[in-house]
Amino acid sequence: MQNLKNEILKFRDDRGWNHDHREKDLAISIVLEASELLENFQWKSSEEAAADTRQNIKEEMADVLIYLVQLADSLDVDLEDEVYKKLEKNNIKYPVKQGS
């Protein structure tokens, strides 16, 4: 994850965008990119969307992650650590049912 984060931040910094990317704007961008991802599925089954727009789906997923990594960096959040903590919390909240 650290290598990916470094590449994303280098791309941003090489273009001088680090001063323009404020937390509010990054959060808005995450939602906008997630909406673009969702648009691939509108009026289609999941299977149709995956078959028809797979490349665009992958690119929109990448856009969401890119903005999320930048937001985490800006807020000094260890995203990988927070994901593990959230999985642990969800594991307690939603335990595996025995016999299913």
Protein backbone atom coordinates (compact mmCIF):
# COMPACT_ATOMS: atom_id res chain seq x y z
CA MET A 1 0.00 0.00 0.00
CA GLN A 2 2.87 2.38 0.76
CA ASN A 3 4.29 2.11 -2.77
CA LEU A 4 0.90 2.89 -4.25
CA LYS A 5 0.45 5.85 -1.91
CA ASN A 6 3.90 7.17 -2.85
CA GLU A 7 3.11 6.94 -6.58
CA ILE A 8 -0.24 8.71 -6.17
CA LEU A 9 1.28 11.52 -4.11
CA LYS A 10 4.23 11.88 -6.48
CA PHE A 11 1.84 12.20 -9.44
CA ARG A 12 -0.09 14.91 -7.55
CA ASP A 13 3.00 16.74 -6.33
CA ASP A 14 4.78 16.65 -9.70
CA ARG A 15 1.88 18.65 -11.10
CA GLY A 16 1.70 21.08 -8.19
CA TRP A 17 -1.82 19.97 -7.31
CA ASN A 18 -1.14 19.39 -3.61
CA HIS A 19 -2.12 22.97 -2.73
CA ASP A 20 -5.42 22.74 -4.61
CA HIS A 21 -6.58 19.43 -3.18
CA ARG A 22 -8.28 20.34 0.08
CA GLU A 23 -10.15 17.82 2.20
CA LYS A 24 -13.61 19.06 1.20
CA ASP A 25 -12.70 18.98 -2.48
CA LEU A 26 -11.21 15.50 -2.19
CA ALA A 27 -14.34 14.22 -0.44
CA ILE A 28 -16.50 15.75 -3.17
CA SER A 29 -14.28 14.17 -5.82
CA ILE A 30 -14.65 10.74 -4.19
CA VAL A 31 -18.44 11.04 -4.41
CA LEU A 32 -18.32 12.28 -8.00
CA GLU A 33 -16.05 9.45 -9.10
CA ALA A 34 -18.21 6.92 -7.22
CA SER A 35 -21.22 8.30 -9.10
CA GLU A 36 -19.37 7.81 -12.38
CA LEU A 37 -18.69 4.23 -11.29
CA LEU A 38 -22.36 3.73 -10.48
CA GLU A 39 -23.40 5.11 -13.86
CA ASN A 40 -21.89 2.02 -15.50
CA PHE A 41 -24.54 -0.10 -13.78
CA GLN A 42 -27.56 2.08 -14.45
CA TRP A 43 -30.33 0.19 -16.28
CA LYS A 44 -28.21 -2.94 -16.57
CA SER A 45 -27.75 -6.12 -14.63
CA SER A 46 -24.44 -6.49 -12.85
CA GLU A 47 -23.40 -9.06 -15.44
CA GLU A 48 -24.28 -6.78 -18.36
CA ALA A 49 -22.42 -3.85 -16.82
CA ALA A 50 -19.33 -5.95 -16.14
CA ALA A 51 -19.35 -7.22 -19.70
CA ASP A 52 -20.18 -3.92 -21.44
CA THR A 53 -18.17 -1.38 -19.47
CA ARG A 54 -15.53 -3.36 -17.62
CA GLN A 55 -12.62 -1.08 -18.55
CA ASN A 56 -14.50 2.04 -17.52
CA ILE A 57 -15.54 0.38 -14.24
CA LYS A 58 -11.90 -0.39 -13.46
CA GLU A 59 -10.84 3.18 -14.25
CA GLU A 60 -13.56 4.71 -12.08
CA MET A 61 -12.64 2.38 -9.21
CA ALA A 62 -9.04 3.57 -9.56
CA ASP A 63 -10.17 7.21 -9.52
CA VAL A 64 -12.08 6.64 -6.26
CA LEU A 65 -9.02 5.03 -4.67
CA ILE A 66 -6.69 7.77 -5.88
CA TYR A 67 -8.78 10.48 -4.26
CA LEU A 68 -9.28 8.41 -1.12
CA VAL A 69 -5.53 7.91 -0.71
CA GLN A 70 -4.98 11.65 -1.12
CA LEU A 71 -7.68 12.43 1.46
CA ALA A 72 -6.15 9.96 3.91
CA ASP A 73 -2.76 11.58 3.41
CA SER A 74 -4.16 15.06 3.90
CA LEU A 75 -5.88 14.04 7.14
CA ASP A 76 -2.88 11.99 8.31
CA VAL A 77 -4.91 8.77 8.36
CA ASP A 78 -3.20 5.41 8.00
CA LEU A 79 -5.79 3.98 5.65
CA GLU A 80 -4.45 0.44 5.75
CA ASP A 81 -4.55 0.41 9.56
CA GLU A 82 -8.07 1.86 9.59
CA VAL A 83 -9.29 -0.82 7.19
CA TYR A 84 -7.95 -3.54 9.49
CA LYS A 85 -9.59 -1.87 12.49
CA LYS A 86 -12.90 -1.59 10.65
CA LEU A 87 -12.76 -5.23 9.57
CA GLU A 88 -12.16 -6.23 13.19
CA LYS A 89 -15.09 -4.09 14.32
CA ASN A 90 -17.33 -5.53 11.60
CA ASN A 91 -16.26 -9.05 12.52
CA ILE A 92 -17.63 -8.45 16.03
CA LYS A 93 -20.76 -6.71 14.75
CA TYR A 94 -21.46 -9.35 12.08
CA PRO A 95 -20.10 -12.66 13.38
CA VAL A 96 -19.97 -15.70 11.14
CA LYS A 97 -23.02 -17.82 11.76
CA GLN A 98 -22.17 -21.43 12.53
CA GLY A 99 -23.68 -23.99 10.17
CA SER A 100 -24.28 -21.58 7.29
